[in-house]
C-alpha atoms as a PDB file:
ATOM      1  CA  UNK A   1      -8.946   2.868 -13.077  1.00  0.00           C
ATOM      2  CA  UNK A   2     -11.196   2.852 -10.019  1.00  0.00           C
ATOM      3  CA  UNK A   3     -10.129   6.004  -8.186  1.00  0.00           C
ATOM      4  CA  UNK A   4     -10.656   4.312  -4.845  1.00  0.00           C
ATOM      5  CA  UNK A   5      -7.978   1.809  -5.853  1.00  0.00           C
ATOM      6  CA  UNK A   6      -5.743   4.702  -6.877  1.00  0.00           C
ATOM      7  CA  UNK A   7      -6.113   6.370  -3.469  1.00  0.00           C
ATOM      8  CA  UNK A   8      -5.363   3.052  -1.766  1.00  0.00           C
ATOM      9  CA  UNK A   9      -2.327   2.564  -3.994  1.00  0.00           C
ATOM     10  CA  UNK A  10      -1.006   5.986  -3.020  1.00  0.00           C
ATOM     11  CA  UNK A  11      -1.506   5.211   0.690  1.00  0.00           C
ATOM     12  CA  UNK A  12       0.313   1.882   0.460  1.00  0.00           C
ATOM     13  CA  UNK A  13       3.012   3.354  -1.772  1.00  0.00           C
ATOM     14  CA  UNK A  14       3.765   5.990   0.862  1.00  0.00           C
ATOM     15  CA  UNK A  15       3.815   3.367   3.600  1.00  0.00           C
ATOM     16  CA  UNK A  16       6.236   1.239   1.568  1.00  0.00           C
ATOM     17  CA  UNK A  17       8.504   4.252   1.088  1.00  0.00           C
ATOM     18  CA  UNK A  18       8.507   5.369   4.731  1.00  0.00           C
ATOM     19  CA  UNK A  19      11.358   3.081   5.920  1.00  0.00           C
ATOM     20  CA  UNK A  20      13.531   4.835   3.311  1.00  0.00           C
ATOM     21  CA  UNK A  21      12.205   8.368   3.858  1.00  0.00           C
ATOM     22  CA  UNK A  22      12.203   8.459   7.679  1.00  0.00           C
ATOM     23  CA  UNK A  23      15.966   7.891   8.169  1.00  0.00           C
ATOM     24  CA  UNK A  24      16.705  10.617   5.598  1.00  0.00           C
ATOM     25  CA  UNK A  25      14.647  13.213   7.505  1.00  0.00           C
ATOM     26  CA  UNK A  26      15.867  11.949  10.876  1.00  0.00           C
ATOM     27  CA  UNK A  27      12.477  10.673  12.038  1.00  0.00           C
ATOM     28  CA  UNK A  28      13.066   6.956  12.590  1.00  0.00           C
ATOM     29  CA  UNK A  29      10.947   7.099  15.737  1.00  0.00           C
ATOM     30  CA  UNK A  30       7.851   7.627  13.586  1.00  0.00           C
ATOM     31  CA  UNK A  31       7.998   4.045  12.291  1.00  0.00           C
ATOM     32  CA  UNK A  32       6.505   2.859  15.588  1.00  0.00           C
ATOM     33  CA  UNK A  33       3.690   5.383  15.200  1.00  0.00           C
ATOM     34  CA  UNK A  34       2.975   4.077  11.701  1.00  0.00           C
ATOM     35  CA  UNK A  35       2.866   0.482  12.943  1.00  0.00           C
ATOM     36  CA  UNK A  36       0.403   1.567  15.638  1.00  0.00           C
ATOM     37  CA  UNK A  37      -1.765   3.273  12.985  1.00  0.00           C
ATOM     38  CA  UNK A  38      -1.654   0.218  10.705  1.00  0.00           C
ATOM     39  CA  UNK A  39      -2.733  -2.050  13.569  1.00  0.00           C
ATOM     40  CA  UNK A  40      -5.682   0.234  14.290  1.00  0.00           C
ATOM     41  CA  UNK A  41      -6.509   0.285  10.572  1.00  0.00           C
ATOM     42  CA  UNK A  42      -6.618  -3.542  10.389  1.00  0.00           C
ATOM     43  CA  UNK A  43      -9.059  -3.659  13.315  1.00  0.00           C
ATOM     44  CA  UNK A  44     -11.091  -0.782  11.845  1.00  0.00           C
ATOM     45  CA  UNK A  45     -11.381  -2.571   8.493  1.00  0.00           C
ATOM     46  CA  UNK A  46     -12.777  -5.614  10.268  1.00  0.00           C
ATOM     47  CA  UNK A  47     -15.389  -3.536  12.093  1.00  0.00           C
ATOM     48  CA  UNK A  48     -16.308  -1.683   8.907  1.00  0.00           C
ATOM     49  CA  UNK A  49     -17.211  -5.022   7.345  1.00  0.00           C
ATOM     50  CA  UNK A  50     -20.049  -5.559   9.821  1.00  0.00           C
ATOM     51  CA  UNK A  51     -21.065  -1.918  10.377  1.00  0.00           C
ATOM     52  CA  UNK A  52     -20.419  -0.198   7.045  1.00  0.00           C
ATOM     53  CA  UNK A  53     -21.476  -3.136   4.887  1.00  0.00           C
ATOM     54  CA  UNK A  54     -23.647  -5.170   7.245  1.00  0.00           C
ATOM     55  CA  UNK A  55     -25.316  -2.515   9.415  1.00  0.00           C
ATOM     56  CA  UNK A  56     -24.467  -4.420  12.631  1.00  0.00           C
ATOM     57  CA  UNK A  57     -23.264  -1.806  15.120  1.00  0.00           C
ATOM     58  CA  UNK A  58     -21.089  -3.522  17.722  1.00  0.00           C
ATOM     59  CA  UNK A  59     -19.640  -2.009  20.892  1.00  0.00           C
ATOM     60  CA  UNK A  60     -17.820  -5.201  21.804  1.00  0.00           C
ATOM     61  CA  UNK A  61     -15.560  -5.651  18.801  1.00  0.00           C
ATOM     62  CA  UNK A  62     -12.406  -4.891  20.800  1.00  0.00           C
ATOM     63  CA  UNK A  63     -13.091  -8.091  22.741  1.00  0.00           C
ATOM     64  CA  UNK A  64     -11.876 -10.047  19.710  1.00  0.00           C
ATOM     65  CA  UNK A  65      -8.674  -8.016  19.650  1.00  0.00           C
ATOM     66  CA  UNK A  66      -8.202  -8.983  23.292  1.00  0.00           C
ATOM     67  CA  UNK A  67      -8.982 -12.653  22.637  1.00  0.00           C
ATOM     68  CA  UNK A  68      -6.499 -12.809  19.764  1.00  0.00           C
ATOM     69  CA  UNK A  69      -3.877 -10.986  21.829  1.00  0.00           C
ATOM     70  CA  UNK A  70      -4.253 -13.202  24.897  1.00  0.00           C
ATOM     71  CA  UNK A  71      -4.394 -16.386  22.833  1.00  0.00           C
ATOM     72  CA  UNK A  72      -1.064 -15.305  21.347  1.00  0.00           C
ATOM     73  CA  UNK A  73       0.474 -14.251  24.674  1.00  0.00           C
ATOM     74  CA  UNK A  74      -0.549 -17.459  26.457  1.00  0.00           C
ATOM     75  CA  UNK A  75       0.800 -19.543  23.580  1.00  0.00           C
ATOM     76  CA  UNK A  76       4.115 -17.675  23.697  1.00  0.00           C
ATOM     77  CA  UNK A  77       4.306 -18.241  27.447  1.00  0.00           C
ATOM     78  CA  UNK A  78       3.920 -21.945  26.778  1.00  0.00           C
ATOM     79  CA  UNK A  79       6.714 -22.081  24.238  1.00  0.00           C
ATOM     80  CA  UNK A  80       4.782 -21.779  20.952  1.00  0.00           C
ATOM     81  CA  UNK A  81       6.707 -19.178  18.946  1.00  0.00           C
ATOM     82  CA  UNK A  82       6.084 -19.899  15.255  1.00  0.00           C
ATOM     83  CA  UNK A  83       3.950 -17.005  14.048  1.00  0.00           C
ATOM     84  CA  UNK A  84       2.050 -19.044  11.441  1.00  0.00           C
ATOM     85  CA  UNK A  85       0.956 -21.455  14.165  1.00  0.00           C
ATOM     86  CA  UNK A  86       0.030 -18.488  16.364  1.00  0.00           C
ATOM     87  CA  UNK A  87      -2.122 -17.204  13.502  1.00  0.00           C
ATOM     88  CA  UNK A  88      -4.055 -20.476  13.540  1.00  0.00           C
ATOM     89  CA  UNK A  89      -4.452 -20.361  17.317  1.00  0.00           C
ATOM     90  CA  UNK A  90      -5.674 -16.738  17.294  1.00  0.00           C
ATOM     91  CA  UNK A  91      -8.061 -17.457  14.422  1.00  0.00           C
ATOM     92  CA  UNK A  92      -9.420 -20.567  16.128  1.00  0.00           C
ATOM     93  CA  UNK A  93      -9.984 -18.782  19.440  1.00  0.00           C
ATOM     94  CA  UNK A  94     -11.723 -15.744  17.953  1.00  0.00           C
ATOM     95  CA  UNK A  95     -13.774 -17.719  15.423  1.00  0.00           C
ATOM     96  CA  UNK A  96     -15.132 -20.167  18.005  1.00  0.00           C
ATOM     97  CA  UNK A  97     -16.125 -17.424  20.459  1.00  0.00           C
ATOM     98  CA  UNK A  98     -17.550 -15.238  17.674  1.00  0.00           C
ATOM     99  CA  UNK A  99     -19.656 -18.156  16.456  1.00  0.00           C
ATOM    100  CA  UNK A 100     -21.228 -18.653  19.883  1.00  0.00           C
ATOM    101  CA  UNK A 101     -21.749 -14.976  20.695  1.00  0.00           C
ATOM    102  CA  UNK A 102     -22.861 -14.199  17.149  1.00  0.00           C
ATOM    103  CA  UNK A 103     -25.627 -16.795  17.246  1.00  0.00           C
ATOM    104  CA  UNK A 104     -26.951 -15.154  20.422  1.00  0.00           C
ATOM    105  CA  UNK A 105     -26.446 -11.517  19.402  1.00  0.00           C
ATOM    106  CA  UNK A 106     -27.955 -11.888  15.938  1.00  0.00           C
ATOM    107  CA  UNK A 107     -31.267 -12.952  17.404  1.00  0.00           C
ATOM    108  CA  UNK A 108     -31.661  -9.214  17.957  1.00  0.00           C
ATOM    109  CA  UNK A 109     -30.970  -6.081  15.913  1.00  0.00           C
ATOM    110  CA  UNK A 110     -30.438  -2.363  16.326  1.00  0.00           C
ATOM    111  CA  UNK A 111     -29.833  -1.082  19.833  1.00  0.00           C
ATOM    112  CA  UNK A 112     -30.433  -4.541  21.305  1.00  0.00           C
ATOM    113  CA  UNK A 113     -27.609  -5.978  19.203  1.00  0.00           C
ATOM    114  CA  UNK A 114     -25.402  -3.091  20.337  1.00  0.00           C
ATOM    115  CA  UNK A 115     -26.177  -3.754  24.001  1.00  0.00           C
ATOM    116  CA  UNK A 116     -25.571  -7.515  23.726  1.00  0.00           C
ATOM    117  CA  UNK A 117     -22.187  -6.952  22.050  1.00  0.00           C
ATOM    118  CA  UNK A 118     -21.334  -4.379  24.720  1.00  0.00           C
ATOM    119  CA  UNK A 119     -22.216  -6.904  27.430  1.00  0.00           C
ATOM    120  CA  UNK A 120     -20.075  -9.538  25.712  1.00  0.00           C
ATOM    121  CA  UNK A 121     -17.191  -7.080  25.457  1.00  0.00           C
ATOM    122  CA  UNK A 122     -17.377  -6.225  29.145  1.00  0.00           C
ATOM    123  CA  UNK A 123     -17.615  -9.901  30.057  1.00  0.00           C
ATOM    124  CA  UNK A 124     -14.446 -10.554  28.057  1.00  0.00           C
ATOM    125  CA  UNK A 125     -12.682  -7.595  29.676  1.00  0.00           C
ATOM    126  CA  UNK A 126     -13.450  -8.787  33.208  1.00  0.00           C
ATOM    127  CA  UNK A 127     -12.519 -12.361  32.294  1.00  0.00           C
ATOM    128  CA  UNK A 128      -9.101 -11.182  31.135  1.00  0.00           C
ATOM    129  CA  UNK A 129      -8.585  -9.159  34.321  1.00  0.00           C
ATOM    130  CA  UNK A 130      -9.198 -12.339  36.317  1.00  0.00           C
ATOM    131  CA  UNK A 131      -6.347 -14.244  34.636  1.00  0.00           C
ATOM    132  CA  UNK A 132      -3.974 -13.904  37.591  1.00  0.00           C
ATOM    133  CA  UNK A 133      -1.508 -16.362  36.077  1.00  0.00           C
ATOM    134  CA  UNK A 134      -1.066 -13.997  33.129  1.00  0.00           C
ATOM    135  CA  UNK A 135      -0.812 -10.683  34.955  1.00  0.00           C
ATOM    136  CA  UNK A 136      -4.447 -10.041  35.738  1.00  0.00           C
ATOM    137  CA  UNK A 137      -5.357  -6.357  35.647  1.00  0.00           C
ATOM    138  CA  UNK A 138      -1.680  -5.331  35.432  1.00  0.00           C
ATOM    139  CA  UNK A 139      -1.099  -7.129  32.158  1.00  0.00           C
ATOM    140  CA  UNK A 140       1.709  -9.387  31.031  1.00  0.00           C
ATOM    141  CA  UNK A 141       5.170  -8.469  29.738  1.00  0.00           C
ATOM    142  CA  UNK A 142       6.432 -10.957  27.151  1.00  0.00           C
ATOM    143  CA  UNK A 143      10.031 -12.131  27.273  1.00  0.00           C
ATOM    144  CA  UNK A 144       9.833 -14.054  23.996  1.00  0.00           C
ATOM    145  CA  UNK A 145       8.227 -13.063  20.712  1.00  0.00           C
ATOM    146  CA  UNK A 146       6.984 -14.895  17.655  1.00  0.00           C
ATOM    147  CA  UNK A 147       9.397 -16.038  14.967  1.00  0.00           C
ATOM    148  CA  UNK A 148       8.926 -16.772  11.275  1.00  0.00           C
ATOM    149  CA  UNK A 149      10.371 -20.199  10.406  1.00  0.00           C
ATOM    150  CA  UNK A 150      12.760 -19.773  13.323  1.00  0.00           C
ATOM    151  CA  UNK A 151      13.918 -16.306  12.231  1.00  0.00           C
ATOM    152  CA  UNK A 152      13.479 -13.173  14.359  1.00  0.00           C
ATOM    153  CA  UNK A 153      12.771 -11.048  11.277  1.00  0.00           C
ATOM    154  CA  UNK A 154       9.200 -10.266  12.388  1.00  0.00           C
ATOM    155  CA  UNK A 155      10.140  -9.230  15.919  1.00  0.00           C
ATOM    156  CA  UNK A 156      11.159  -5.614  15.409  1.00  0.00           C
ATOM    157  CA  UNK A 157      12.374  -2.942  13.028  1.00  0.00           C
ATOM    158  CA  UNK A 158      11.691  -3.019   9.308  1.00  0.00           C
ATOM    159  CA  UNK A 159      10.833  -6.710   9.345  1.00  0.00           C
ATOM    160  CA  UNK A 160       7.905  -6.163  11.695  1.00  0.00           C
ATOM    161  CA  UNK A 161       6.907  -2.969   9.856  1.00  0.00           C
ATOM    162  CA  UNK A 162       6.640  -4.695   6.482  1.00  0.00           C
ATOM    163  CA  UNK A 163       4.958  -7.753   7.979  1.00  0.00           C
ATOM    164  CA  UNK A 164       2.196  -5.562   9.470  1.00  0.00           C
ATOM    165  CA  UNK A 165       1.928  -3.639   6.196  1.00  0.00           C
ATOM    166  CA  UNK A 166       1.469  -6.867   4.206  1.00  0.00           C
ATOM    167  CA  UNK A 167      -1.300  -7.973   6.587  1.00  0.00           C
ATOM    168  CA  UNK A 168      -2.960  -4.556   6.216  1.00  0.00           C
ATOM    169  CA  UNK A 169      -2.854  -4.771   2.415  1.00  0.00           C
ATOM    170  CA  UNK A 170      -4.306  -8.292   2.377  1.00  0.00           C
ATOM    171  CA  UNK A 171      -7.025  -7.196   4.825  1.00  0.00           C
ATOM    172  CA  UNK A 172      -7.874  -4.191   2.652  1.00  0.00           C
ATOM    173  CA  UNK A 173      -8.100  -6.346  -0.468  1.00  0.00           C
ATOM    174  CA  UNK A 174     -10.038  -9.087   1.308  1.00  0.00           C
ATOM    175  CA  UNK A 175     -12.668  -6.837   2.877  1.00  0.00           C
ATOM    176  CA  UNK A 176     -13.270  -5.033  -0.388  1.00  0.00           C
ATOM    177  CA  UNK A 177     -13.494  -8.274  -2.374  1.00  0.00           C
ATOM    178  CA  UNK A 178     -16.030  -9.559   0.132  1.00  0.00           C
ATOM    179  CA  UNK A 179     -18.069  -6.360  -0.119  1.00  0.00           C
ATOM    180  CA  UNK A 180     -18.129  -6.581  -3.930  1.00  0.00           C
ATOM    181  CA  UNK A 181     -18.989 -10.279  -4.040  1.00  0.00           C
ATOM    182  CA  UNK A 182     -22.439 -11.872  -4.108  1.00  0.00           C
ATOM    183  CA  UNK A 183     -22.030 -12.420  -0.360  1.00  0.00           C
ATOM    184  CA  UNK A 184     -21.360  -8.718   0.161  1.00  0.00           C
ATOM    185  CA  UNK A 185     -24.331  -7.648  -1.937  1.00  0.00           C
ATOM    186  CA  UNK A 186     -26.637  -9.873   0.107  1.00  0.00           C
ATOM    187  CA  UNK A 187     -25.110  -8.443   3.290  1.00  0.00           C
ATOM    188  CA  UNK A 188     -25.852  -4.902   2.123  1.00  0.00           C
ATOM    189  CA  UNK A 189     -29.371  -5.876   1.088  1.00  0.00           C
ATOM    190  CA  UNK A 190     -29.930  -7.293   4.565  1.00  0.00           C
ATOM    191  CA  UNK A 191     -28.598  -4.056   6.033  1.00  0.00           C
ATOM    192  CA  UNK A 192     -30.984  -1.907   3.979  1.00  0.00           C
ATOM    193  CA  UNK A 193     -34.090  -4.104   4.122  1.00  0.00           C
ATOM    194  CA  UNK A 194     -33.728  -7.451   5.937  1.00  0.00           C
ATOM    195  CA  UNK A 195     -37.352  -8.463   5.416  1.00  0.00           C
ATOM    196  CA  UNK A 196     -37.117  -8.026   1.668  1.00  0.00           C
ATOM    197  CA  UNK A 197     -33.868 -10.030   1.584  1.00  0.00           C
ATOM    198  CA  UNK A 198     -35.576 -12.842   3.536  1.00  0.00           C
ATOM    199  CA  UNK A 199     -38.558 -12.816   1.171  1.00  0.00           C
ATOM    200  CA  UNK A 200     -36.162 -13.124  -1.783  1.00  0.00           C
ATOM    201  CA  UNK A 201     -34.926 -16.385  -0.250  1.00  0.00           C
ATOM    202  CA  UNK A 202     -31.639 -15.346   1.330  1.00  0.00           C
ATOM    203  CA  UNK A 203     -30.853 -16.690   4.837  1.00  0.00           C
ATOM    204  CA  UNK A 204     -30.011 -13.273   6.278  1.00  0.00           C
ATOM    205  CA  UNK A 205     -28.993 -14.528   9.727  1.00  0.00           C
ATOM    206  CA  UNK A 206     -26.511 -16.971   8.202  1.00  0.00           C
ATOM    207  CA  UNK A 207     -24.885 -14.281   6.053  1.00  0.00           C
ATOM    208  CA  UNK A 208     -24.661 -11.903   9.004  1.00  0.00           C
ATOM    209  CA  UNK A 209     -23.157 -14.594  11.227  1.00  0.00           C
ATOM    210  CA  UNK A 210     -20.480 -15.429   8.663  1.00  0.00           C
ATOM    211  CA  UNK A 211     -19.593 -11.731   8.318  1.00  0.00           C
ATOM    212  CA  UNK A 212     -19.482 -11.400  12.103  1.00  0.00           C
ATOM    213  CA  UNK A 213     -17.074 -14.344  12.412  1.00  0.00           C
ATOM    214  CA  UNK A 214     -14.848 -13.089   9.578  1.00  0.00           C
ATOM    215  CA  UNK A 215     -14.653  -9.639  11.208  1.00  0.00           C
ATOM    216  CA  UNK A 216     -13.811 -11.249  14.564  1.00  0.00           C
ATOM    217  CA  UNK A 217     -10.978 -13.274  12.988  1.00  0.00           C
ATOM    218  CA  UNK A 218      -9.440 -10.167  11.415  1.00  0.00           C
ATOM    219  CA  UNK A 219      -9.666  -8.362  14.756  1.00  0.00           C
ATOM    220  CA  UNK A 220      -7.984 -11.358  16.402  1.00  0.00           C
ATOM    221  CA  UNK A 221      -5.100 -11.106  13.942  1.00  0.00           C
ATOM    222  CA  UNK A 222      -4.701  -7.421  14.818  1.00  0.00           C
ATOM    223  CA  UNK A 223      -4.490  -8.510  18.468  1.00  0.00           C
ATOM    224  CA  UNK A 224      -1.719 -10.976  17.618  1.00  0.00           C
ATOM    225  CA  UNK A 225       0.242  -8.270  15.806  1.00  0.00           C
ATOM    226  CA  UNK A 226      -0.327  -5.842  18.668  1.00  0.00           C
ATOM    227  CA  UNK A 227       1.318  -8.303  21.068  1.00  0.00           C
ATOM    228  CA  UNK A 228       4.254  -8.691  18.681  1.00  0.00           C
ATOM    229  CA  UNK A 229       4.649  -4.914  18.455  1.00  0.00           C
ATOM    230  CA  UNK A 230       4.103  -3.900  22.084  1.00  0.00           C
ATOM    231  CA  UNK A 231       5.722  -6.968  23.704  1.00  0.00           C
ATOM    232  CA  UNK A 232       3.016  -6.544  26.316  1.00  0.00           C
ATOM    233  CA  UNK A 233      -0.663  -7.376  26.697  1.00  0.00           C
ATOM    234  CA  UNK A 234      -3.286  -6.121  29.141  1.00  0.00           C
ATOM    235  CA  UNK A 235      -7.077  -6.358  29.481  1.00  0.00           C
ATOM    236  CA  UNK A 236      -7.431  -2.682  28.500  1.00  0.00           C
ATOM    237  CA  UNK A 237      -7.179  -3.614  24.812  1.00  0.00           C
ATOM    238  CA  UNK A 238     -10.560  -5.367  25.149  1.00  0.00           C
ATOM    239  CA  UNK A 239     -12.307  -2.456  26.907  1.00  0.00           C
ATOM    240  CA  UNK A 240     -15.430  -0.988  25.323  1.00  0.00           C
ATOM    241  CA  UNK A 241     -13.619   2.352  24.911  1.00  0.00           C
ATOM    242  CA  UNK A 242     -11.348   0.716  22.345  1.00  0.00           C
ATOM    243  CA  UNK A 243     -14.434  -0.451  20.455  1.00  0.00           C
ATOM    244  CA  UNK A 244     -15.558   3.171  20.558  1.00  0.00           C
ATOM    245  CA  UNK A 245     -12.243   4.249  19.027  1.00  0.00           C
ATOM    246  CA  UNK A 246     -12.792   1.819  16.174  1.00  0.00           C
ATOM    247  CA  UNK A 247     -16.286   3.173  15.536  1.00  0.00           C
ATOM    248  CA  UNK A 248     -14.936   6.732  15.531  1.00  0.00           C
ATOM    249  CA  UNK A 249     -12.258   5.685  13.020  1.00  0.00           C
ATOM    250  CA  UNK A 250     -14.686   4.177  10.499  1.00  0.00           C
ATOM    251  CA  UNK A 251     -17.287   6.936  10.863  1.00  0.00           C
ATOM    252  CA  UNK A 252     -14.597   9.593  10.543  1.00  0.00           C
ATOM    253  CA  UNK A 253     -13.051   7.902   7.528  1.00  0.00           C
ATOM    254  CA  UNK A 254     -16.334   7.067   5.818  1.00  0.00           C
ATOM    255  CA  UNK A 255     -18.571   4.078   6.505  1.00  0.00           C
ATOM    256  CA  UNK A 256     -18.430   1.365   3.883  1.00  0.00           C
ATOM    257  CA  UNK A 257     -15.900   3.208   1.715  1.00  0.00           C
ATOM    258  CA  UNK A 258     -12.836   1.531   0.299  1.00  0.00           C
ATOM    259  CA  UNK A 259     -10.230   3.513   2.212  1.00  0.00           C
ATOM    260  CA  UNK A 260     -12.311   5.110   4.967  1.00  0.00           C
ATOM    261  CA  UNK A 261     -11.222   2.792   7.785  1.00  0.00           C
ATOM    262  CA  UNK A 262      -7.543   3.321   6.941  1.00  0.00           C
ATOM    263  CA  UNK A 263      -7.878   7.101   6.621  1.00  0.00           C
ATOM    264  CA  UNK A 264      -9.816   7.321   9.888  1.00  0.00           C
ATOM    265  CA  UNK A 265      -7.313   5.154  11.779  1.00  0.00           C
ATOM    266  CA  UNK A 266      -4.309   7.126  10.577  1.00  0.00           C
ATOM    267  CA  UNK A 267      -6.026  10.446  11.285  1.00  0.00           C
ATOM    268  CA  UNK A 268      -6.801   9.426  14.873  1.00  0.00           C
ATOM    269  CA  UNK A 269      -3.318   8.115  15.666  1.00  0.00           C
ATOM    270  CA  UNK A 270      -1.447  10.997  14.017  1.00  0.00           C
ATOM    271  CA  UNK A 271      -3.683  13.738  15.456  1.00  0.00           C
ATOM    272  CA  UNK A 272      -3.491  12.270  18.956  1.00  0.00           C
ATOM    273  CA  UNK A 273       0.299  12.133  18.742  1.00  0.00           C
ATOM    274  CA  UNK A 274       0.608  15.635  17.273  1.00  0.00           C
ATOM    275  CA  UNK A 275      -1.811  17.384  19.628  1.00  0.00           C
ATOM    276  CA  UNK A 276      -0.530  15.626  22.744  1.00  0.00           C
ATOM    277  CA  UNK A 277       3.026  16.712  21.888  1.00  0.00           C
ATOM    278  CA  UNK A 278       2.148  20.406  21.841  1.00  0.00           C
ATOM    279  CA  UNK A 279      -0.713  20.743  24.304  1.00  0.00           C
ATOM    280  CA  UNK A 280      -1.305  18.918  27.599  1.00  0.00           C
ATOM    281  CA  UNK A 281      -5.084  19.251  27.442  1.00  0.00           C
ATOM    282  CA  UNK A 282      -5.125  18.131  23.827  1.00  0.00           C
ATOM    283  CA  UNK A 283      -8.551  16.497  24.094  1.00  0.00           C
ATOM    284  CA  UNK A 284     -10.102  19.972  24.348  1.00  0.00           C
ATOM    285  CA  UNK A 285      -9.054  20.456  20.730  1.00  0.00           C
ATOM    286  CA  UNK A 286      -9.385  16.877  19.541  1.00  0.00           C
ATOM    287  CA  UNK A 287     -13.035  16.470  20.584  1.00  0.00           C
ATOM    288  CA  UNK A 288     -14.424  19.577  18.821  1.00  0.00           C
ATOM    289  CA  UNK A 289     -12.295  18.742  15.782  1.00  0.00           C
ATOM    290  CA  UNK A 290     -13.986  15.338  15.480  1.00  0.00           C
ATOM    291  CA  UNK A 291     -17.408  16.954  15.883  1.00  0.00           C
ATOM    292  CA  UNK A 292     -16.674  19.445  13.096  1.00  0.00           C
ATOM    293  CA  UNK A 293     -15.471  16.710  10.764  1.00  0.00           C
ATOM    294  CA  UNK A 294     -18.567  14.606  11.405  1.00  0.00           C
ATOM    295  CA  UNK A 295     -20.870  17.608  10.891  1.00  0.00           C
ATOM    296  CA  UNK A 296     -19.292  19.021   7.748  1.00  0.00           C
ATOM    297  CA  UNK A 297     -17.800  15.920   6.135  1.00  0.00           C
ATOM    298  CA  UNK A 298     -20.798  13.618   6.311  1.00  0.00           C
ATOM    299  CA  UNK A 299     -19.205  11.134   3.936  1.00  0.00           C
ATOM    300  CA  UNK A 300     -16.067  11.071   6.059  1.00  0.00           C
ATOM    301  CA  UNK A 301     -12.499  11.821   5.108  1.00  0.00           C
ATOM    302  CA  UNK A 302     -12.792   9.565   2.067  1.00  0.00           C
ATOM    303  CA  UNK A 303     -15.547  11.810   0.714  1.00  0.00           C
ATOM    304  CA  UNK A 304     -13.413  14.898   1.276  1.00  0.00           C
ATOM    305  CA  UNK A 305     -10.536  13.360  -0.675  1.00  0.00           C
ATOM    306  CA  UNK A 306     -12.716  11.798  -3.353  1.00  0.00           C
ATOM    307  CA  UNK A 307     -16.361  13.014  -3.561  1.00  0.00           C
ATOM    308  CA  UNK A 308     -18.816  10.276  -4.488  1.00  0.00           C
ATOM    309  CA  UNK A 309     -19.982  12.232  -7.520  1.00  0.00           C
ATOM    310  CA  UNK A 310     -16.550  11.733  -9.073  1.00  0.00           C
ATOM    311  CA  UNK A 311     -16.975   7.938  -8.934  1.00  0.00           C
ATOM    312  CA  UNK A 312     -14.785   5.207  -7.615  1.00  0.00           C
ATOM    313  CA  UNK A 313     -15.437   5.636  -3.886  1.00  0.00           C
ATOM    314  CA  UNK A 314     -12.345   6.347  -1.815  1.00  0.00           C
END
């Protein structure tokens, strides 16, 4: 068996068991922390598709989380509550905007691509702060949440937990299947040597644009789920700092590895919660800890758990 699949199976097995384990140890409150980590992992997986596999470093990826979240919140405010319909709305909003911005951004590469995506992210952030009808800079508290076929099963508790977990598993499978497909191999070839890929007859820009749109759609779905979990939305979720958190997660976990984005996301959320609970100035420890991990675990957490020489790729 591919050992990367085995590591992923262990991660998802533990997550499936947590709703049973947490009440036994008297730690029910941790289920919310796990949902928060899973939401970050979904967004991190989407960014890893374009950075780890496509080499397109974006500092505006959180904008798509914000677009998906606000598309959901505005729809809920207007009486649309069926979550499957909200999925379509969030996907449509993020895909259409990603298509337009991607066409513009992918005319460049490297630091220029990074700066254009950063500019787009900031433009989205300030646009959301200007939506006075939906809370503006203060955000919007939601008084109704999405339902599944009229049922409130996905609104809180174990129902929401397992719904987010299922989306995480499908995202994990989907991103890896894409990376292992012919499309993914062309994307990696374009990352390593775009001129050679063009000479071989592959339309590099088209492949990169498709990957960019797919990643945006996944990020939009994470925004929808974030609204469902937090029952609140604000422009801060589209800030460039959140894009930075996603980059830290995938670099820390291991770029382009099967489980790196998930490991990095869970490490960030759990360490932030743990350190902040015992030390007020927790960032004084958290920052150097990240630096040490980056310096001495160059393949990320996935390489620490499963060195590449052993095969499989965590």
